[in-house]
């Protein structure tokens, strides 16, 4: 949920059109839906992209949106590529990225900004691994979203309630 909120902020800062912003937010919301664990789960992006492609109408409908072929391809591309470093892109990855560049870059940056939840400093967000000009300006907010939501969770709030609380405290909902 934090990643989707960060994607919304990045989409706004980048002036994405409404349809592209919605696609980036949706992709960010489900980018880890097929993750098996929180360590190095290689391929979870590809699994999530396949899942989304198979469930596109249901997912878009859940958000009150229409799943168009263009949106599906863009979201699936962003999800598939989110866990692959840019420098590891194959020729096919580069071609796919070129077709969904802005959405992919927003999702990758939003996911990176949510890394403050991880326990080691070396795993925290690093601008060297993203291609998003607004990345650094959102780092403080991203850190605070994690801090506030984790405190709320430790105080007994469910994960969803904790994130909603953090978003409300920061005036984002």
N, C-alpha and C. Protein backbone atom coordinates (compact mmCIF):
# COMPACT_ATOMS: atom_id res chain seq x y z
N UNK A 1 0.82 -1.19 0.00
CA UNK A 1 0.00 0.00 0.00
C UNK A 1 0.87 1.27 0.00
N UNK A 2 1.97 1.22 0.77
CA UNK A 2 2.87 2.38 0.75
C UNK A 2 3.46 2.57 -0.64
N UNK A 3 3.80 1.48 -1.29
CA UNK A 3 4.40 1.58 -2.62
C UNK A 3 3.42 2.22 -3.60
N UNK A 4 2.15 1.87 -3.50
CA UNK A 4 1.13 2.48 -4.37
C UNK A 4 1.01 3.98 -4.09
N UNK A 5 1.05 4.35 -2.82
CA UNK A 5 0.97 5.78 -2.47
C UNK A 5 2.19 6.53 -3.00
N UNK A 6 3.36 5.92 -2.88
CA UNK A 6 4.57 6.56 -3.40
C UNK A 6 4.52 6.65 -4.93
N UNK A 7 3.96 5.65 -5.58
CA UNK A 7 3.79 5.71 -7.04
C UNK A 7 2.86 6.84 -7.42
N UNK A 8 1.81 7.05 -6.63
CA UNK A 8 0.88 8.16 -6.91
C UNK A 8 1.60 9.50 -6.81
N UNK A 9 2.43 9.65 -5.80
CA UNK A 9 3.18 10.90 -5.64
C UNK A 9 4.17 11.10 -6.79
N UNK A 10 4.86 10.04 -7.17
CA UNK A 10 5.81 10.13 -8.28
C UNK A 10 5.10 10.42 -9.59
N UNK A 11 3.94 9.81 -9.79
CA UNK A 11 3.17 10.07 -11.01
C UNK A 11 2.75 11.53 -11.08
N UNK A 12 2.35 12.07 -9.93
CA UNK A 12 1.94 13.48 -9.88
C UNK A 12 3.12 14.40 -10.16
N UNK A 13 4.24 14.15 -9.52
CA UNK A 13 5.44 14.97 -9.72
C UNK A 13 5.87 14.94 -11.19
N UNK A 14 5.71 13.79 -11.83
CA UNK A 14 6.11 13.63 -13.22
C UNK A 14 5.06 14.08 -14.22
N UNK A 15 3.90 14.50 -13.73
CA UNK A 15 2.85 14.96 -14.62
C UNK A 15 2.28 13.87 -15.51
N UNK A 16 2.25 12.64 -15.02
CA UNK A 16 1.68 11.56 -15.81
C UNK A 16 0.20 11.81 -16.06
N UNK A 17 -0.26 11.46 -17.24
CA UNK A 17 -1.68 11.55 -17.56
C UNK A 17 -2.45 10.63 -16.62
N UNK A 18 -3.72 10.90 -16.44
CA UNK A 18 -4.53 10.15 -15.48
C UNK A 18 -4.47 8.64 -15.72
N UNK A 19 -4.60 8.21 -16.96
CA UNK A 19 -4.58 6.78 -17.27
C UNK A 19 -3.22 6.16 -16.93
N UNK A 20 -2.15 6.86 -17.25
CA UNK A 20 -0.81 6.36 -16.94
C UNK A 20 -0.56 6.35 -15.43
N UNK A 21 -1.03 7.36 -14.74
CA UNK A 21 -0.89 7.40 -13.28
C UNK A 21 -1.64 6.23 -12.66
N UNK A 22 -2.87 6.00 -13.11
CA UNK A 22 -3.66 4.88 -12.58
C UNK A 22 -2.97 3.55 -12.84
N UNK A 23 -2.39 3.41 -14.02
CA UNK A 23 -1.69 2.17 -14.36
C UNK A 23 -0.47 1.98 -13.46
N UNK A 24 0.29 3.03 -13.22
CA UNK A 24 1.46 2.94 -12.35
C UNK A 24 1.06 2.61 -10.92
N UNK A 25 0.00 3.23 -10.44
CA UNK A 25 -0.46 2.98 -9.07
C UNK A 25 -0.94 1.55 -8.92
N UNK A 26 -1.72 1.08 -9.89
CA UNK A 26 -2.20 -0.30 -9.85
C UNK A 26 -1.03 -1.27 -9.87
N UNK A 27 -0.07 -1.04 -10.76
CA UNK A 27 1.10 -1.91 -10.84
C UNK A 27 1.87 -1.91 -9.52
N UNK A 28 2.04 -0.75 -8.93
CA UNK A 28 2.75 -0.65 -7.66
C UNK A 28 1.99 -1.37 -6.54
N UNK A 29 0.67 -1.31 -6.60
CA UNK A 29 -0.15 -1.94 -5.56
C UNK A 29 0.02 -3.45 -5.55
N UNK A 30 0.25 -4.05 -6.70
CA UNK A 30 0.31 -5.52 -6.74
C UNK A 30 1.67 -6.07 -7.17
N UNK A 31 2.68 -5.22 -7.27
CA UNK A 31 3.97 -5.66 -7.81
C UNK A 31 4.60 -6.83 -7.07
N UNK A 32 4.31 -7.00 -5.81
CA UNK A 32 4.89 -8.09 -5.02
C UNK A 32 3.89 -9.18 -4.68
N UNK A 33 2.76 -9.24 -5.39
CA UNK A 33 1.69 -10.17 -5.01
C UNK A 33 2.07 -11.64 -5.14
N UNK A 34 3.12 -11.94 -5.85
CA UNK A 34 3.58 -13.33 -5.99
C UNK A 34 4.93 -13.56 -5.33
N UNK A 35 5.28 -12.67 -4.42
CA UNK A 35 6.55 -12.79 -3.70
C UNK A 35 6.42 -13.92 -2.68
N UNK A 36 7.40 -14.79 -2.62
CA UNK A 36 7.36 -15.94 -1.70
C UNK A 36 7.97 -15.62 -0.34
N UNK A 37 8.91 -14.69 -0.31
CA UNK A 37 9.55 -14.28 0.94
C UNK A 37 10.19 -12.92 0.72
N UNK A 38 10.65 -12.29 1.78
CA UNK A 38 11.17 -10.93 1.69
C UNK A 38 12.68 -10.89 1.50
N UNK A 39 13.27 -12.03 1.16
CA UNK A 39 14.69 -12.01 0.82
C UNK A 39 14.82 -11.89 -0.70
N UNK A 40 15.83 -12.47 -1.26
CA UNK A 40 16.10 -12.37 -2.69
C UNK A 40 15.24 -13.37 -3.46
N UNK A 41 14.01 -13.02 -3.71
CA UNK A 41 13.06 -13.90 -4.41
C UNK A 41 13.09 -13.59 -5.90
N UNK A 42 14.12 -14.08 -6.57
CA UNK A 42 14.28 -13.82 -8.00
C UNK A 42 13.08 -14.35 -8.78
N UNK A 43 12.62 -13.52 -9.70
CA UNK A 43 11.51 -13.93 -10.55
C UNK A 43 10.13 -13.59 -10.03
N UNK A 44 10.06 -12.99 -8.84
CA UNK A 44 8.72 -12.69 -8.31
C UNK A 44 8.01 -11.64 -9.16
N UNK A 45 8.76 -10.75 -9.79
CA UNK A 45 8.15 -9.76 -10.68
C UNK A 45 7.52 -10.43 -11.88
N UNK A 46 8.22 -11.38 -12.46
CA UNK A 46 7.68 -12.10 -13.62
C UNK A 46 6.44 -12.90 -13.22
N UNK A 47 6.48 -13.55 -12.06
CA UNK A 47 5.30 -14.30 -11.60
C UNK A 47 4.11 -13.37 -11.38
N UNK A 48 4.36 -12.21 -10.79
CA UNK A 48 3.28 -11.25 -10.55
C UNK A 48 2.72 -10.71 -11.87
N UNK A 49 3.58 -10.49 -12.85
CA UNK A 49 3.12 -10.00 -14.16
C UNK A 49 2.23 -11.04 -14.84
N UNK A 50 2.61 -12.30 -14.76
CA UNK A 50 1.78 -13.37 -15.33
C UNK A 50 0.44 -13.43 -14.61
N UNK A 51 0.48 -13.31 -13.29
CA UNK A 51 -0.76 -13.34 -12.51
C UNK A 51 -1.67 -12.18 -12.92
N UNK A 52 -1.11 -10.99 -13.05
CA UNK A 52 -1.91 -9.84 -13.43
C UNK A 52 -2.51 -10.03 -14.82
N UNK A 53 -1.72 -10.52 -15.76
CA UNK A 53 -2.24 -10.73 -17.11
C UNK A 53 -3.43 -11.68 -17.10
N UNK A 54 -3.38 -12.70 -16.24
CA UNK A 54 -4.46 -13.67 -16.15
C UNK A 54 -5.68 -13.13 -15.40
N UNK A 55 -5.48 -12.12 -14.59
CA UNK A 55 -6.56 -11.59 -13.75
C UNK A 55 -6.84 -10.11 -14.00
N UNK A 56 -6.46 -9.62 -15.15
CA UNK A 56 -6.53 -8.18 -15.44
C UNK A 56 -7.92 -7.59 -15.28
N UNK A 57 -8.93 -8.21 -15.85
CA UNK A 57 -10.28 -7.65 -15.76
C UNK A 57 -10.73 -7.54 -14.31
N UNK A 58 -10.45 -8.56 -13.52
CA UNK A 58 -10.84 -8.55 -12.11
C UNK A 58 -10.11 -7.44 -11.35
N UNK A 59 -8.81 -7.34 -11.57
CA UNK A 59 -8.00 -6.35 -10.85
C UNK A 59 -8.41 -4.93 -11.24
N UNK A 60 -8.46 -4.64 -12.52
CA UNK A 60 -8.84 -3.29 -12.94
C UNK A 60 -10.26 -2.99 -12.48
N UNK A 61 -11.16 -3.96 -12.59
CA UNK A 61 -12.53 -3.76 -12.14
C UNK A 61 -12.62 -3.46 -10.65
N UNK A 62 -11.76 -4.11 -9.85
CA UNK A 62 -11.74 -3.86 -8.41
C UNK A 62 -11.46 -2.39 -8.11
N UNK A 63 -10.65 -1.77 -8.95
CA UNK A 63 -10.31 -0.36 -8.77
C UNK A 63 -11.24 0.57 -9.56
N UNK A 64 -12.29 0.00 -10.17
CA UNK A 64 -13.23 0.80 -10.94
C UNK A 64 -12.66 1.30 -12.25
N UNK A 65 -11.71 0.56 -12.79
CA UNK A 65 -11.03 0.94 -14.03
C UNK A 65 -11.31 -0.09 -15.12
N UNK A 66 -11.04 0.30 -16.34
CA UNK A 66 -11.18 -0.61 -17.47
C UNK A 66 -9.81 -1.11 -17.89
N UNK A 67 -9.68 -2.41 -18.02
CA UNK A 67 -8.42 -3.02 -18.43
C UNK A 67 -8.31 -2.99 -19.95
N UNK A 68 -7.51 -2.07 -20.46
CA UNK A 68 -7.28 -2.02 -21.90
C UNK A 68 -5.98 -2.78 -22.21
N UNK A 69 -5.83 -3.27 -23.42
CA UNK A 69 -4.59 -3.98 -23.76
C UNK A 69 -3.33 -3.15 -23.46
N UNK A 70 -3.36 -1.87 -23.77
CA UNK A 70 -2.20 -1.01 -23.53
C UNK A 70 -1.87 -0.93 -22.04
N UNK A 71 -2.89 -0.72 -21.22
CA UNK A 71 -2.66 -0.62 -19.77
C UNK A 71 -2.14 -1.94 -19.20
N UNK A 72 -2.71 -3.05 -19.68
CA UNK A 72 -2.28 -4.36 -19.19
C UNK A 72 -0.81 -4.58 -19.51
N UNK A 73 -0.42 -4.31 -20.75
CA UNK A 73 0.98 -4.49 -21.16
C UNK A 73 1.90 -3.58 -20.34
N UNK A 74 1.51 -2.32 -20.17
CA UNK A 74 2.36 -1.40 -19.41
C UNK A 74 2.51 -1.84 -17.96
N UNK A 75 1.41 -2.20 -17.32
CA UNK A 75 1.47 -2.63 -15.92
C UNK A 75 2.26 -3.92 -15.77
N UNK A 76 2.01 -4.88 -16.64
CA UNK A 76 2.74 -6.15 -16.57
C UNK A 76 4.23 -5.94 -16.83
N UNK A 77 4.56 -5.06 -17.74
CA UNK A 77 5.97 -4.76 -18.01
C UNK A 77 6.62 -4.13 -16.78
N UNK A 78 5.98 -3.15 -16.19
CA UNK A 78 6.53 -2.50 -15.00
C UNK A 78 6.72 -3.50 -13.86
N UNK A 79 5.73 -4.36 -13.67
CA UNK A 79 5.82 -5.36 -12.61
C UNK A 79 6.93 -6.36 -12.90
N UNK A 80 6.99 -6.83 -14.13
CA UNK A 80 8.02 -7.82 -14.49
C UNK A 80 9.43 -7.27 -14.32
N UNK A 81 9.62 -6.00 -14.67
CA UNK A 81 10.96 -5.41 -14.62
C UNK A 81 11.33 -4.80 -13.27
N UNK A 82 10.37 -4.69 -12.35
CA UNK A 82 10.67 -3.95 -11.11
C UNK A 82 11.77 -4.58 -10.28
N UNK A 83 11.97 -5.89 -10.39
CA UNK A 83 12.99 -6.54 -9.57
C UNK A 83 14.26 -6.89 -10.35
N UNK A 84 14.38 -6.30 -11.54
CA UNK A 84 15.58 -6.52 -12.35
C UNK A 84 16.35 -5.20 -12.43
N UNK A 85 17.61 -5.17 -12.00
CA UNK A 85 18.38 -3.93 -12.11
C UNK A 85 18.50 -3.50 -13.57
N UNK A 86 18.48 -2.20 -13.80
CA UNK A 86 18.58 -1.68 -15.17
C UNK A 86 19.79 -2.27 -15.91
N UNK A 87 20.92 -2.35 -15.21
CA UNK A 87 22.13 -2.83 -15.88
C UNK A 87 22.06 -4.32 -16.23
N UNK A 88 21.09 -5.04 -15.67
CA UNK A 88 20.92 -6.47 -15.99
C UNK A 88 19.86 -6.71 -17.06
N UNK A 89 19.25 -5.65 -17.56
CA UNK A 89 18.23 -5.80 -18.61
C UNK A 89 18.83 -6.50 -19.83
N UNK A 90 18.09 -7.46 -20.35
CA UNK A 90 18.45 -8.08 -21.62
C UNK A 90 17.98 -7.16 -22.75
N UNK A 91 18.27 -7.53 -23.97
CA UNK A 91 17.79 -6.74 -25.11
C UNK A 91 16.27 -6.70 -25.12
N UNK A 92 15.63 -7.82 -24.81
CA UNK A 92 14.16 -7.85 -24.76
C UNK A 92 13.63 -6.97 -23.63
N UNK A 93 14.29 -7.01 -22.47
CA UNK A 93 13.89 -6.15 -21.35
C UNK A 93 13.97 -4.68 -21.75
N UNK A 94 15.05 -4.32 -22.42
CA UNK A 94 15.23 -2.93 -22.86
C UNK A 94 14.13 -2.51 -23.82
N UNK A 95 13.76 -3.40 -24.73
CA UNK A 95 12.69 -3.10 -25.69
C UNK A 95 11.36 -2.95 -24.96
N UNK A 96 11.09 -3.84 -24.01
CA UNK A 96 9.85 -3.73 -23.22
C UNK A 96 9.84 -2.45 -22.40
N UNK A 97 10.97 -2.14 -21.77
CA UNK A 97 11.07 -0.93 -20.96
C UNK A 97 10.78 0.31 -21.81
N UNK A 98 11.28 0.33 -23.02
CA UNK A 98 11.07 1.48 -23.91
C UNK A 98 9.58 1.71 -24.19
N UNK A 99 8.78 0.64 -24.17
CA UNK A 99 7.35 0.76 -24.44
C UNK A 99 6.54 1.18 -23.20
N UNK A 100 7.15 1.06 -22.04
CA UNK A 100 6.44 1.41 -20.80
C UNK A 100 7.39 2.12 -19.84
N UNK A 101 8.24 2.96 -20.39
CA UNK A 101 9.34 3.55 -19.63
C UNK A 101 8.89 4.36 -18.41
N UNK A 102 8.01 5.31 -18.61
CA UNK A 102 7.64 6.19 -17.49
C UNK A 102 6.96 5.40 -16.37
N UNK A 103 6.07 4.49 -16.74
CA UNK A 103 5.36 3.70 -15.73
C UNK A 103 6.33 2.77 -15.02
N UNK A 104 7.20 2.12 -15.77
CA UNK A 104 8.18 1.22 -15.16
C UNK A 104 9.11 1.98 -14.22
N UNK A 105 9.59 3.13 -14.63
CA UNK A 105 10.50 3.90 -13.78
C UNK A 105 9.82 4.37 -12.50
N UNK A 106 8.55 4.73 -12.59
CA UNK A 106 7.79 5.14 -11.40
C UNK A 106 7.63 3.96 -10.45
N UNK A 107 7.27 2.79 -10.97
CA UNK A 107 7.07 1.61 -10.12
C UNK A 107 8.40 1.19 -9.48
N UNK A 108 9.47 1.17 -10.25
CA UNK A 108 10.77 0.80 -9.69
C UNK A 108 11.20 1.79 -8.60
N UNK A 109 10.97 3.07 -8.82
CA UNK A 109 11.35 4.08 -7.82
C UNK A 109 10.48 3.98 -6.57
N UNK A 110 9.18 3.78 -6.75
CA UNK A 110 8.28 3.65 -5.60
C UNK A 110 8.66 2.43 -4.77
N UNK A 111 8.96 1.33 -5.44
CA UNK A 111 9.38 0.12 -4.73
C UNK A 111 10.69 0.38 -3.98
N UNK A 112 11.62 1.06 -4.61
CA UNK A 112 12.90 1.37 -3.95
C UNK A 112 12.68 2.26 -2.73
N UNK A 113 11.79 3.23 -2.84
CA UNK A 113 11.53 4.13 -1.71
C UNK A 113 10.93 3.39 -0.51
N UNK A 114 10.26 2.27 -0.75
CA UNK A 114 9.67 1.51 0.35
C UNK A 114 10.69 0.58 1.01
N UNK A 115 11.92 0.61 0.57
CA UNK A 115 12.94 -0.27 1.15
C UNK A 115 13.37 0.14 2.56
N UNK A 116 12.90 1.27 3.05
CA UNK A 116 13.22 1.65 4.43
C UNK A 116 12.67 0.63 5.43
N UNK A 117 11.75 -0.20 4.99
CA UNK A 117 11.18 -1.21 5.88
C UNK A 117 12.18 -2.34 6.17
N UNK A 118 13.23 -2.44 5.36
CA UNK A 118 14.19 -3.53 5.50
C UNK A 118 15.20 -3.23 6.60
N UNK A 119 15.69 -4.27 7.29
CA UNK A 119 16.49 -4.06 8.50
C UNK A 119 17.92 -3.58 8.33
N UNK A 120 18.52 -3.73 7.16
CA UNK A 120 19.93 -3.34 7.00
C UNK A 120 20.04 -2.05 6.20
N UNK A 121 20.90 -1.16 6.66
CA UNK A 121 21.09 0.12 5.96
C UNK A 121 21.51 -0.08 4.50
N UNK A 122 22.31 -1.10 4.23
CA UNK A 122 22.76 -1.31 2.85
C UNK A 122 21.61 -1.70 1.92
N UNK A 123 20.47 -2.08 2.47
CA UNK A 123 19.30 -2.43 1.67
C UNK A 123 18.37 -1.24 1.46
N UNK A 124 18.65 -0.12 2.11
CA UNK A 124 17.77 1.05 2.01
C UNK A 124 17.84 1.67 0.62
N UNK A 125 16.92 2.59 0.33
CA UNK A 125 16.87 3.20 -1.01
C UNK A 125 18.20 3.80 -1.44
N UNK A 126 18.52 3.59 -2.70
CA UNK A 126 19.76 4.11 -3.27
C UNK A 126 19.45 4.66 -4.66
N UNK A 127 19.64 5.94 -4.83
CA UNK A 127 19.30 6.62 -6.08
C UNK A 127 20.10 6.09 -7.28
N UNK A 128 21.21 5.41 -7.02
CA UNK A 128 21.99 4.86 -8.14
C UNK A 128 21.23 3.79 -8.91
N UNK A 129 20.19 3.22 -8.30
CA UNK A 129 19.49 2.10 -8.92
C UNK A 129 18.14 2.48 -9.51
N UNK A 130 17.85 3.76 -9.57
CA UNK A 130 16.58 4.20 -10.15
C UNK A 130 16.84 5.28 -11.19
N UNK A 131 15.84 5.50 -12.01
CA UNK A 131 15.91 6.56 -13.03
C UNK A 131 14.72 7.48 -12.83
N UNK A 132 14.71 8.10 -11.70
CA UNK A 132 13.57 8.95 -11.34
C UNK A 132 14.09 10.22 -10.71
N UNK A 133 13.94 11.36 -11.40
CA UNK A 133 14.47 12.63 -10.88
C UNK A 133 13.91 13.03 -9.52
N UNK A 134 12.68 12.66 -9.21
CA UNK A 134 12.06 13.08 -7.95
C UNK A 134 12.38 12.13 -6.80
N UNK A 135 13.18 11.13 -7.04
CA UNK A 135 13.48 10.12 -6.03
C UNK A 135 13.98 10.74 -4.73
N UNK A 136 15.01 11.55 -4.82
CA UNK A 136 15.61 12.12 -3.60
C UNK A 136 14.66 13.04 -2.85
N UNK A 137 13.81 13.76 -3.55
CA UNK A 137 12.90 14.67 -2.84
C UNK A 137 11.82 13.92 -2.06
N UNK A 138 11.59 12.65 -2.36
CA UNK A 138 10.57 11.87 -1.64
C UNK A 138 11.16 10.94 -0.58
N UNK A 139 12.46 10.93 -0.45
CA UNK A 139 13.09 10.01 0.51
C UNK A 139 12.63 10.26 1.95
N UNK A 140 12.58 11.50 2.37
CA UNK A 140 12.16 11.82 3.73
C UNK A 140 10.73 11.37 4.00
N UNK A 141 9.85 11.66 3.07
CA UNK A 141 8.45 11.24 3.22
C UNK A 141 8.36 9.72 3.26
N UNK A 142 9.09 9.05 2.39
CA UNK A 142 9.06 7.58 2.36
C UNK A 142 9.53 7.00 3.69
N UNK A 143 10.61 7.55 4.23
CA UNK A 143 11.11 7.10 5.52
C UNK A 143 10.05 7.28 6.60
N UNK A 144 9.42 8.45 6.62
CA UNK A 144 8.40 8.73 7.63
C UNK A 144 7.17 7.84 7.48
N UNK A 145 6.78 7.52 6.26
CA UNK A 145 5.65 6.60 6.06
C UNK A 145 5.94 5.24 6.67
N UNK A 146 7.16 4.75 6.46
CA UNK A 146 7.54 3.47 7.05
C UNK A 146 7.57 3.58 8.57
N UNK A 147 8.20 4.63 9.08
CA UNK A 147 8.32 4.81 10.53
C UNK A 147 6.95 4.87 11.21
N UNK A 148 6.07 5.71 10.70
CA UNK A 148 4.75 5.88 11.31
C UNK A 148 3.91 4.62 11.18
N UNK A 149 3.92 3.99 10.01
CA UNK A 149 3.10 2.80 9.83
C UNK A 149 3.63 1.63 10.67
N UNK A 150 4.93 1.49 10.78
CA UNK A 150 5.49 0.41 11.60
C UNK A 150 5.19 0.64 13.08
N UNK A 151 5.26 1.88 13.52
CA UNK A 151 4.90 2.17 14.93
C UNK A 151 3.44 1.83 15.19
N UNK A 152 2.57 2.20 14.26
CA UNK A 152 1.14 1.90 14.41
C UNK A 152 0.92 0.39 14.42
N UNK A 153 1.64 -0.32 13.57
CA UNK A 153 1.50 -1.77 13.53
C UNK A 153 1.97 -2.40 14.84
N UNK A 154 3.10 -1.92 15.37
CA UNK A 154 3.60 -2.43 16.65
C UNK A 154 2.64 -2.11 17.79
N UNK A 155 1.86 -1.04 17.64
CA UNK A 155 0.88 -0.67 18.66
C UNK A 155 -0.41 -1.47 18.52
N UNK A 156 -0.48 -2.36 17.53
CA UNK A 156 -1.64 -3.24 17.40
C UNK A 156 -2.51 -3.04 16.18
N UNK A 157 -2.22 -2.05 15.36
CA UNK A 157 -3.02 -1.84 14.15
C UNK A 157 -2.69 -2.91 13.11
N UNK A 158 -3.69 -3.27 12.32
CA UNK A 158 -3.43 -4.20 11.21
C UNK A 158 -2.51 -3.50 10.22
N UNK A 159 -1.92 -4.26 9.31
CA UNK A 159 -1.03 -3.67 8.32
C UNK A 159 -1.69 -2.58 7.51
N UNK A 160 -2.90 -2.85 7.05
CA UNK A 160 -3.63 -1.88 6.23
C UNK A 160 -3.98 -0.64 7.04
N UNK A 161 -4.48 -0.85 8.25
CA UNK A 161 -4.84 0.27 9.11
C UNK A 161 -3.62 1.12 9.45
N UNK A 162 -2.50 0.46 9.69
CA UNK A 162 -1.27 1.17 10.03
C UNK A 162 -0.81 2.07 8.87
N UNK A 163 -0.88 1.55 7.65
CA UNK A 163 -0.46 2.35 6.50
C UNK A 163 -1.45 3.49 6.27
N UNK A 164 -2.73 3.20 6.40
CA UNK A 164 -3.73 4.28 6.25
C UNK A 164 -3.51 5.38 7.27
N UNK A 165 -3.18 4.99 8.49
CA UNK A 165 -2.90 5.97 9.53
C UNK A 165 -1.70 6.84 9.13
N UNK A 166 -0.64 6.20 8.65
CA UNK A 166 0.55 6.96 8.24
C UNK A 166 0.24 7.90 7.09
N UNK A 167 -0.53 7.43 6.12
CA UNK A 167 -0.91 8.28 4.99
C UNK A 167 -1.74 9.47 5.45
N UNK A 168 -2.66 9.22 6.38
CA UNK A 168 -3.50 10.31 6.90
C UNK A 168 -2.66 11.31 7.69
N UNK A 169 -1.74 10.79 8.51
CA UNK A 169 -0.89 11.69 9.30
C UNK A 169 -0.07 12.62 8.40
N UNK A 170 0.31 12.13 7.26
CA UNK A 170 1.11 12.93 6.33
C UNK A 170 0.24 13.73 5.36
N UNK A 171 -1.09 13.67 5.56
CA UNK A 171 -2.00 14.45 4.73
C UNK A 171 -2.14 13.93 3.31
N UNK A 172 -1.94 12.64 3.12
CA UNK A 172 -1.99 12.07 1.78
C UNK A 172 -3.32 11.40 1.44
N UNK A 173 -4.20 11.30 2.41
CA UNK A 173 -5.56 10.77 2.15
C UNK A 173 -6.58 11.65 2.82
